[in-house]
């Protein structure tokens, strides 16, 4: 299973973009996308920018990834990481 992360384009080089997100700095292929620009957010999977993201979607994905990290560290109260899901009480 592969998990992607949101990354922001900071520099374009032809069909590639230098991106940053979640503490990473990567060169991604942008061949799957049209009309990308510096400042755009993309969903990065295995060296590919797979889709453009809205800032709302970036926040949602980052929160879910933070929740996954918290769960792996033993945290059990995860509702705050998934506000769009109904509480399981």
PDB file of N, CA and C in Angstrom:
ATOM      1  N   UNK A   1       0.840  -1.176   0.000  1.00  0.00           N
ATOM      2  CA  UNK A   1       0.000   0.000   0.000  1.00  0.00           C
ATOM      3  C   UNK A   1       0.885   1.239   0.000  1.00  0.00           C
ATOM      4  N   UNK A   2       0.526   2.208  -0.790  1.00  0.00           N
ATOM      5  CA  UNK A   2       1.272   3.462  -0.861  1.00  0.00           C
ATOM      6  C   UNK A   2       0.417   4.595  -0.326  1.00  0.00           C
ATOM      7  N   UNK A   3       1.042   5.434   0.444  1.00  0.00           N
ATOM      8  CA  UNK A   3       0.383   6.648   0.909  1.00  0.00           C
ATOM      9  C   UNK A   3       1.035   7.830   0.228  1.00  0.00           C
ATOM     10  N   UNK A   4       0.220   8.744  -0.229  1.00  0.00           N
ATOM     11  CA  UNK A   4       0.738   9.965  -0.809  1.00  0.00           C
ATOM     12  C   UNK A   4       0.703  11.075   0.224  1.00  0.00           C
ATOM     13  N   UNK A   5       1.418  12.138  -0.090  1.00  0.00           N
ATOM     14  CA  UNK A   5       1.416  13.299   0.797  1.00  0.00           C
ATOM     15  C   UNK A   5       1.219  14.562  -0.025  1.00  0.00           C
ATOM     16  N   UNK A   6       0.626  15.578   0.574  1.00  0.00           N
ATOM     17  CA  UNK A   6       0.506  16.864  -0.116  1.00  0.00           C
ATOM     18  C   UNK A   6       1.874  17.558  -0.152  1.00  0.00           C
ATOM     19  N   UNK A   7       2.202  18.103  -1.299  1.00  0.00           N
ATOM     20  CA  UNK A   7       3.443  18.854  -1.439  1.00  0.00           C
ATOM     21  C   UNK A   7       3.163  20.096  -2.267  1.00  0.00           C
ATOM     22  N   UNK A   8       3.883  21.165  -1.949  1.00  0.00           N
ATOM     23  CA  UNK A   8       3.705  22.423  -2.666  1.00  0.00           C
ATOM     24  C   UNK A   8       4.858  22.621  -3.645  1.00  0.00           C
ATOM     25  N   UNK A   9       4.507  23.012  -4.864  1.00  0.00           N
ATOM     26  CA  UNK A   9       5.514  23.254  -5.893  1.00  0.00           C
ATOM     27  C   UNK A   9       6.269  24.543  -5.561  1.00  0.00           C
ATOM     28  N   UNK A  10       7.606  24.424  -5.514  1.00  0.00           N
ATOM     29  CA  UNK A  10       8.423  25.610  -5.237  1.00  0.00           C
ATOM     30  C   UNK A  10       9.269  26.015  -6.439  1.00  0.00           C
ATOM     31  N   UNK A  11       9.439  25.079  -7.398  1.00  0.00           N
ATOM     32  CA  UNK A  11      10.215  25.393  -8.604  1.00  0.00           C
ATOM     33  C   UNK A  11       9.843  24.409  -9.708  1.00  0.00           C
ATOM     34  N   UNK A  12       9.735  24.898 -10.927  1.00  0.00           N
ATOM     35  CA  UNK A  12       9.429  24.047 -12.083  1.00  0.00           C
ATOM     36  C   UNK A  12      10.665  23.875 -12.953  1.00  0.00           C
ATOM     37  N   UNK A  13      10.847  22.634 -13.468  1.00  0.00           N
ATOM     38  CA  UNK A  13      11.939  22.291 -14.382  1.00  0.00           C
ATOM     39  C   UNK A  13      11.365  21.425 -15.492  1.00  0.00           C
ATOM     40  N   UNK A  14      10.804  22.024 -16.510  1.00  0.00           N
ATOM     41  CA  UNK A  14      10.210  21.241 -17.595  1.00  0.00           C
ATOM     42  C   UNK A  14       9.061  20.386 -17.089  1.00  0.00           C
ATOM     43  N   UNK A  15       9.192  19.069 -17.239  1.00  0.00           N
ATOM     44  CA  UNK A  15       8.143  18.142 -16.807  1.00  0.00           C
ATOM     45  C   UNK A  15       8.318  17.704 -15.349  1.00  0.00           C
ATOM     46  N   UNK A  16       9.143  18.426 -14.604  1.00  0.00           N
ATOM     47  CA  UNK A  16       9.392  18.101 -13.204  1.00  0.00           C
ATOM     48  C   UNK A  16       9.180  19.337 -12.345  1.00  0.00           C
ATOM     49  N   UNK A  17       8.958  19.094 -11.057  1.00  0.00           N
ATOM     50  CA  UNK A  17       8.793  20.191 -10.109  1.00  0.00           C
ATOM     51  C   UNK A  17       9.495  19.835  -8.814  1.00  0.00           C
ATOM     52  N   UNK A  18      10.185  20.813  -8.258  1.00  0.00           N
ATOM     53  CA  UNK A  18      10.716  20.659  -6.911  1.00  0.00           C
ATOM     54  C   UNK A  18       9.597  21.042  -5.955  1.00  0.00           C
ATOM     55  N   UNK A  19       9.338  20.155  -4.998  1.00  0.00           N
ATOM     56  CA  UNK A  19       8.203  20.332  -4.097  1.00  0.00           C
ATOM     57  C   UNK A  19       8.636  20.132  -2.652  1.00  0.00           C
ATOM     58  N   UNK A  20       7.866  20.738  -1.751  1.00  0.00           N
ATOM     59  CA  UNK A  20       8.101  20.579  -0.325  1.00  0.00           C
ATOM     60  C   UNK A  20       6.784  20.277   0.378  1.00  0.00           C
ATOM     61  N   UNK A  21       6.870  19.408   1.382  1.00  0.00           N
ATOM     62  CA  UNK A  21       5.700  19.101   2.182  1.00  0.00           C
ATOM     63  C   UNK A  21       6.020  18.073   3.240  1.00  0.00           C
ATOM     64  N   UNK A  22       5.478  18.253   4.424  1.00  0.00           N
ATOM     65  CA  UNK A  22       5.650  17.343   5.547  1.00  0.00           C
ATOM     66  C   UNK A  22       7.121  17.068   5.835  1.00  0.00           C
ATOM     67  N   UNK A  23       7.932  18.125   5.736  1.00  0.00           N
ATOM     68  CA  UNK A  23       9.346  18.006   6.061  1.00  0.00           C
ATOM     69  C   UNK A  23      10.208  17.386   4.970  1.00  0.00           C
ATOM     70  N   UNK A  24       9.648  17.216   3.796  1.00  0.00           N
ATOM     71  CA  UNK A  24      10.381  16.590   2.685  1.00  0.00           C
ATOM     72  C   UNK A  24      10.601  17.594   1.563  1.00  0.00           C
ATOM     73  N   UNK A  25      11.632  17.346   0.775  1.00  0.00           N
ATOM     74  CA  UNK A  25      11.960  18.145  -0.408  1.00  0.00           C
ATOM     75  C   UNK A  25      12.216  17.134  -1.521  1.00  0.00           C
ATOM     76  N   UNK A  26      11.367  17.129  -2.552  1.00  0.00           N
ATOM     77  CA  UNK A  26      11.452  16.115  -3.611  1.00  0.00           C
ATOM     78  C   UNK A  26      11.268  16.710  -4.994  1.00  0.00           C
ATOM     79  N   UNK A  27      11.846  16.033  -5.957  1.00  0.00           N
ATOM     80  CA  UNK A  27      11.629  16.358  -7.370  1.00  0.00           C
ATOM     81  C   UNK A  27      10.574  15.376  -7.890  1.00  0.00           C
ATOM     82  N   UNK A  28       9.449  15.904  -8.345  1.00  0.00           N
ATOM     83  CA  UNK A  28       8.334  15.086  -8.805  1.00  0.00           C
ATOM     84  C   UNK A  28       8.104  15.266 -10.296  1.00  0.00           C
ATOM     85  N   UNK A  29       7.700  14.199 -10.952  1.00  0.00           N
ATOM     86  CA  UNK A  29       7.255  14.298 -12.339  1.00  0.00           C
ATOM     87  C   UNK A  29       5.863  14.924 -12.345  1.00  0.00           C
ATOM     88  N   UNK A  30       5.645  15.840 -13.274  1.00  0.00           N
ATOM     89  CA  UNK A  30       4.328  16.483 -13.393  1.00  0.00           C
ATOM     90  C   UNK A  30       3.618  16.080 -14.686  1.00  0.00           C
ATOM     91  N   UNK A  31       4.083  15.004 -15.321  1.00  0.00           N
ATOM     92  CA  UNK A  31       3.514  14.588 -16.603  1.00  0.00           C
ATOM     93  C   UNK A  31       2.031  14.231 -16.522  1.00  0.00           C
ATOM     94  N   UNK A  32       1.537  13.837 -15.355  1.00  0.00           N
ATOM     95  CA  UNK A  32       0.123  13.470 -15.204  1.00  0.00           C
ATOM     96  C   UNK A  32      -0.785  14.689 -15.129  1.00  0.00           C
ATOM     97  N   UNK A  33      -0.196  15.871 -14.938  1.00  0.00           N
ATOM     98  CA  UNK A  33      -0.990  17.065 -14.695  1.00  0.00           C
ATOM     99  C   UNK A  33      -0.834  18.087 -15.807  1.00  0.00           C
ATOM    100  N   UNK A  34      -1.840  18.932 -15.930  1.00  0.00           N
ATOM    101  CA  UNK A  34      -1.782  20.051 -16.862  1.00  0.00           C
ATOM    102  C   UNK A  34      -1.738  21.348 -16.072  1.00  0.00           C
ATOM    103  N   UNK A  35      -1.057  22.324 -16.602  1.00  0.00           N
ATOM    104  CA  UNK A  35      -1.074  23.684 -16.059  1.00  0.00           C
ATOM    105  C   UNK A  35      -0.722  23.769 -14.583  1.00  0.00           C
ATOM    106  N   UNK A  36       0.421  23.247 -14.201  1.00  0.00           N
ATOM    107  CA  UNK A  36       0.863  23.427 -12.819  1.00  0.00           C
ATOM    108  C   UNK A  36       1.716  24.685 -12.733  1.00  0.00           C
ATOM    109  N   UNK A  37       1.715  25.294 -11.557  1.00  0.00           N
ATOM    110  CA  UNK A  37       2.461  26.537 -11.344  1.00  0.00           C
ATOM    111  C   UNK A  37       3.106  26.513  -9.961  1.00  0.00           C
ATOM    112  N   UNK A  38       4.135  27.313  -9.812  1.00  0.00           N
ATOM    113  CA  UNK A  38       4.751  27.478  -8.501  1.00  0.00           C
ATOM    114  C   UNK A  38       3.670  27.944  -7.529  1.00  0.00           C
ATOM    115  N   UNK A  39       3.636  27.318  -6.360  1.00  0.00           N
ATOM    116  CA  UNK A  39       2.622  27.637  -5.359  1.00  0.00           C
ATOM    117  C   UNK A  39       1.481  26.635  -5.325  1.00  0.00           C
ATOM    118  N   UNK A  40       1.285  25.878  -6.417  1.00  0.00           N
ATOM    119  CA  UNK A  40       0.228  24.854  -6.436  1.00  0.00           C
ATOM    120  C   UNK A  40       0.560  23.735  -5.453  1.00  0.00           C
ATOM    121  N   UNK A  41      -0.483  23.144  -4.902  1.00  0.00           N
ATOM    122  CA  UNK A  41      -0.354  21.954  -4.060  1.00  0.00           C
ATOM    123  C   UNK A  41      -0.710  20.740  -4.894  1.00  0.00           C
ATOM    124  N   UNK A  42       0.082  19.673  -4.737  1.00  0.00           N
ATOM    125  CA  UNK A  42      -0.161  18.432  -5.468  1.00  0.00           C
ATOM    126  C   UNK A  42      -0.118  17.256  -4.508  1.00  0.00           C
ATOM    127  N   UNK A  43      -0.730  16.151  -4.934  1.00  0.00           N
ATOM    128  CA  UNK A  43      -0.707  14.902  -4.184  1.00  0.00           C
ATOM    129  C   UNK A  43       0.438  14.080  -4.747  1.00  0.00           C
ATOM    130  N   UNK A  44       1.467  13.829  -3.924  1.00  0.00           N
ATOM    131  CA  UNK A  44       2.690  13.158  -4.366  1.00  0.00           C
ATOM    132  C   UNK A  44       2.669  11.683  -3.985  1.00  0.00           C
ATOM    133  N   UNK A  45       2.863  10.822  -4.993  1.00  0.00           N
ATOM    134  CA  UNK A  45       2.921   9.375  -4.779  1.00  0.00           C
ATOM    135  C   UNK A  45       4.055   8.808  -5.631  1.00  0.00           C
ATOM    136  N   UNK A  46       5.029   8.193  -4.965  1.00  0.00           N
ATOM    137  CA  UNK A  46       6.122   7.502  -5.659  1.00  0.00           C
ATOM    138  C   UNK A  46       6.779   8.342  -6.752  1.00  0.00           C
ATOM    139  N   UNK A  47       7.127   9.577  -6.433  1.00  0.00           N
ATOM    140  CA  UNK A  47       7.837  10.435  -7.367  1.00  0.00           C
ATOM    141  C   UNK A  47       6.983  11.099  -8.429  1.00  0.00           C
ATOM    142  N   UNK A  48       5.677  10.961  -8.310  1.00  0.00           N
ATOM    143  CA  UNK A  48       4.747  11.533  -9.289  1.00  0.00           C
ATOM    144  C   UNK A  48       3.802  12.517  -8.603  1.00  0.00           C
ATOM    145  N   UNK A  49       3.543  13.628  -9.243  1.00  0.00           N
ATOM    146  CA  UNK A  49       2.471  14.522  -8.805  1.00  0.00           C
ATOM    147  C   UNK A  49       1.201  13.986  -9.464  1.00  0.00           C
ATOM    148  N   UNK A  50       0.308  13.408  -8.673  1.00  0.00           N
ATOM    149  CA  UNK A  50      -0.855  12.698  -9.221  1.00  0.00           C
ATOM    150  C   UNK A  50      -2.077  13.568  -9.451  1.00  0.00           C
ATOM    151  N   UNK A  51      -2.269  14.587  -8.594  1.00  0.00           N
ATOM    152  CA  UNK A  51      -3.413  15.485  -8.780  1.00  0.00           C
ATOM    153  C   UNK A  51      -3.148  16.804  -8.083  1.00  0.00           C
ATOM    154  N   UNK A  52      -3.792  17.854  -8.576  1.00  0.00           N
ATOM    155  CA  UNK A  52      -3.717  19.148  -7.909  1.00  0.00           C
ATOM    156  C   UNK A  52      -4.708  19.141  -6.749  1.00  0.00           C
ATOM    157  N   UNK A  53      -4.323  19.799  -5.656  1.00  0.00           N
ATOM    158  CA  UNK A  53      -5.145  19.826  -4.453  1.00  0.00           C
ATOM    159  C   UNK A  53      -5.536  21.245  -4.085  1.00  0.00           C
ATOM    160  N   UNK A  54      -6.725  21.381  -3.517  1.00  0.00           N
ATOM    161  CA  UNK A  54      -7.122  22.655  -2.923  1.00  0.00           C
ATOM    162  C   UNK A  54      -6.484  22.740  -1.533  1.00  0.00           C
ATOM    163  N   UNK A  55      -6.386  23.930  -0.989  1.00  0.00           N
ATOM    164  CA  UNK A  55      -5.819  24.088   0.346  1.00  0.00           C
ATOM    165  C   UNK A  55      -6.670  23.364   1.390  1.00  0.00           C
ATOM    166  N   UNK A  56      -7.977  23.311   1.171  1.00  0.00           N
ATOM    167  CA  UNK A  56      -8.861  22.583   2.096  1.00  0.00           C
ATOM    168  C   UNK A  56      -8.519  21.094   2.111  1.00  0.00           C
ATOM    169  N   UNK A  57      -8.270  20.542   0.945  1.00  0.00           N
ATOM    170  CA  UNK A  57      -7.912  19.112   0.846  1.00  0.00           C
ATOM    171  C   UNK A  57      -6.533  18.859   1.449  1.00  0.00           C
ATOM    172  N   UNK A  58      -5.604  19.795   1.272  1.00  0.00           N
ATOM    173  CA  UNK A  58      -4.272  19.676   1.878  1.00  0.00           C
ATOM    174  C   UNK A  58      -4.400  19.579   3.399  1.00  0.00           C
ATOM    175  N   UNK A  59      -5.198  20.464   3.976  1.00  0.00           N
ATOM    176  CA  UNK A  59      -5.398  20.472   5.430  1.00  0.00           C
ATOM    177  C   UNK A  59      -6.011  19.155   5.889  1.00  0.00           C
ATOM    178  N   UNK A  60      -7.007  18.677   5.174  1.00  0.00           N
ATOM    179  CA  UNK A  60      -7.684  17.425   5.521  1.00  0.00           C
ATOM    180  C   UNK A  60      -6.721  16.236   5.474  1.00  0.00           C
ATOM    181  N   UNK A  61      -5.930  16.134   4.413  1.00  0.00           N
ATOM    182  CA  UNK A  61      -4.988  15.016   4.272  1.00  0.00           C
ATOM    183  C   UNK A  61      -3.902  15.093   5.343  1.00  0.00           C
ATOM    184  N   UNK A  62      -3.352  16.293   5.570  1.00  0.00           N
ATOM    185  CA  UNK A  62      -2.312  16.429   6.593  1.00  0.00           C
ATOM    186  C   UNK A  62      -2.833  16.074   7.977  1.00  0.00           C
ATOM    187  N   UNK A  63      -4.054  16.456   8.279  1.00  0.00           N
ATOM    188  CA  UNK A  63      -4.649  16.113   9.567  1.00  0.00           C
ATOM    189  C   UNK A  63      -4.798  14.596   9.707  1.00  0.00           C
ATOM    190  N   UNK A  64      -5.250  13.929   8.650  1.00  0.00           N
ATOM    191  CA  UNK A  64      -5.382  12.464   8.675  1.00  0.00           C
ATOM    192  C   UNK A  64      -4.019  11.790   8.834  1.00  0.00           C
ATOM    193  N   UNK A  65      -2.994  12.308   8.161  1.00  0.00           N
ATOM    194  CA  UNK A  65      -1.649  11.747   8.312  1.00  0.00           C
ATOM    195  C   UNK A  65      -1.113  11.978   9.724  1.00  0.00           C
ATOM    196  N   UNK A  66      -1.440  13.136  10.305  1.00  0.00           N
ATOM    197  CA  UNK A  66      -1.077  13.380  11.701  1.00  0.00           C
ATOM    198  C   UNK A  66      -1.777  12.376  12.617  1.00  0.00           C
ATOM    199  N   UNK A  67      -3.023  12.046  12.301  1.00  0.00           N
ATOM    200  CA  UNK A  67      -3.773  11.058  13.069  1.00  0.00           C
ATOM    201  C   UNK A  67      -3.148   9.678  12.976  1.00  0.00           C
ATOM    202  N   UNK A  68      -2.675   9.316  11.805  1.00  0.00           N
ATOM    203  CA  UNK A  68      -2.005   8.029  11.621  1.00  0.00           C
ATOM    204  C   UNK A  68      -0.730   7.980  12.470  1.00  0.00           C
ATOM    205  N   UNK A  69       0.029   9.061  12.443  1.00  0.00           N
ATOM    206  CA  UNK A  69       1.245   9.132  13.259  1.00  0.00           C
ATOM    207  C   UNK A  69       0.905   9.009  14.740  1.00  0.00           C
ATOM    208  N   UNK A  70      -0.132   9.715  15.172  1.00  0.00           N
ATOM    209  CA  UNK A  70      -0.553   9.655  16.575  1.00  0.00           C
ATOM    210  C   UNK A  70      -0.970   8.234  16.965  1.00  0.00           C
ATOM    211  N   UNK A  71      -1.710   7.563  16.097  1.00  0.00           N
ATOM    212  CA  UNK A  71      -2.135   6.185  16.377  1.00  0.00           C
ATOM    213  C   UNK A  71      -0.933   5.253  16.493  1.00  0.00           C
ATOM    214  N   UNK A  72       0.039   5.430  15.622  1.00  0.00           N
ATOM    215  CA  UNK A  72       1.246   4.593  15.668  1.00  0.00           C
ATOM    216  C   UNK A  72       2.060   4.843  16.934  1.00  0.00           C
ATOM    217  N   UNK A  73       1.890   6.023  17.529  1.00  0.00           N
ATOM    218  CA  UNK A  73       2.581   6.351  18.775  1.00  0.00           C
ATOM    219  C   UNK A  73       1.750   5.997  20.007  1.00  0.00           C
ATOM    220  N   UNK A  74       0.607   5.342  19.800  1.00  0.00           N
ATOM    221  CA  UNK A  74      -0.197   4.858  20.903  1.00  0.00           C
ATOM    222  C   UNK A  74      -1.356   5.731  21.321  1.00  0.00           C
ATOM    223  N   UNK A  75      -1.554   6.858  20.661  1.00  0.00           N
ATOM    224  CA  UNK A  75      -2.679   7.720  21.018  1.00  0.00           C
ATOM    225  C   UNK A  75      -3.977   7.024  20.628  1.00  0.00           C
ATOM    226  N   UNK A  76      -4.992   7.111  21.485  1.00  0.00           N
ATOM    227  CA  UNK A  76      -6.266   6.438  21.200  1.00  0.00           C
ATOM    228  C   UNK A  76      -7.416   7.408  20.940  1.00  0.00           C
ATOM    229  N   UNK A  77      -7.293   8.651  21.355  1.00  0.00           N
ATOM    230  CA  UNK A  77      -8.332   9.643  21.098  1.00  0.00           C
ATOM    231  C   UNK A  77      -8.020  10.329  19.772  1.00  0.00           C
ATOM    232  N   UNK A  78      -8.560   9.791  18.688  1.00  0.00           N
ATOM    233  CA  UNK A  78      -8.203  10.256  17.348  1.00  0.00           C
ATOM    234  C   UNK A  78      -9.282  11.095  16.675  1.00  0.00           C
ATOM    235  N   UNK A  79     -10.379  11.372  17.368  1.00  0.00           N
ATOM    236  CA  UNK A  79     -11.483  12.120  16.762  1.00  0.00           C
ATOM    237  C   UNK A  79     -11.057  13.476  16.211  1.00  0.00           C
ATOM    238  N   UNK A  80     -10.123  14.146  16.874  1.00  0.00           N
ATOM    239  CA  UNK A  80      -9.698  15.485  16.437  1.00  0.00           C
ATOM    240  C   UNK A  80      -8.983  15.452  15.085  1.00  0.00           C
ATOM    241  N   UNK A  81      -8.478  14.302  14.692  1.00  0.00           N
ATOM    242  CA  UNK A  81      -7.776  14.185  13.416  1.00  0.00           C
ATOM    243  C   UNK A  81      -8.714  13.908  12.242  1.00  0.00           C
ATOM    244  N   UNK A  82      -9.929  13.525  12.564  1.00  0.00           N
ATOM    245  CA  UNK A  82     -10.898  13.167  11.528  1.00  0.00           C
ATOM    246  C   UNK A  82     -12.241  13.857  11.788  1.00  0.00           C
ATOM    247  N   UNK A  83     -12.265  15.204  11.713  1.00  0.00           N
ATOM    248  CA  UNK A  83     -13.480  15.932  12.057  1.00  0.00           C
ATOM    249  C   UNK A  83     -14.638  15.679  11.096  1.00  0.00           C
ATOM    250  N   UNK A  84     -14.354  15.174   9.906  1.00  0.00           N
ATOM    251  CA  UNK A  84     -15.418  14.928   8.936  1.00  0.00           C
ATOM    252  C   UNK A  84     -16.116  13.586   9.153  1.00  0.00           C
ATOM    253  N   UNK A  85     -15.591  12.746  10.063  1.00  0.00           N
ATOM    254  CA  UNK A  85     -16.231  11.462  10.355  1.00  0.00           C
ATOM    255  C   UNK A  85     -17.083  11.568  11.608  1.00  0.00           C
ATOM    256  N   UNK A  86     -18.211  10.845  11.637  1.00  0.00           N
ATOM    257  CA  UNK A  86     -19.029  10.873  12.843  1.00  0.00           C
ATOM    258  C   UNK A  86     -18.267  10.274  14.025  1.00  0.00           C
ATOM    259  N   UNK A  87     -18.459  10.826  15.209  1.00  0.00           N
ATOM    260  CA  UNK A  87     -17.798  10.311  16.403  1.00  0.00           C
ATOM    261  C   UNK A  87     -18.261   8.883  16.665  1.00  0.00           C
ATOM    262  N   UNK A  88     -17.352   8.061  17.128  1.00  0.00           N
ATOM    263  CA  UNK A  88     -17.681   6.659  17.375  1.00  0.00           C
ATOM    264  C   UNK A  88     -17.940   6.409  18.848  1.00  0.00           C
ATOM    265  N   UNK A  89     -18.931   7.088  19.394  1.00  0.00           N
ATOM    266  CA  UNK A  89     -19.245   6.956  20.821  1.00  0.00           C
ATOM    267  C   UNK A  89     -20.525   6.216  21.025  1.00  0.00           C
TER     268      UNK A  89
END
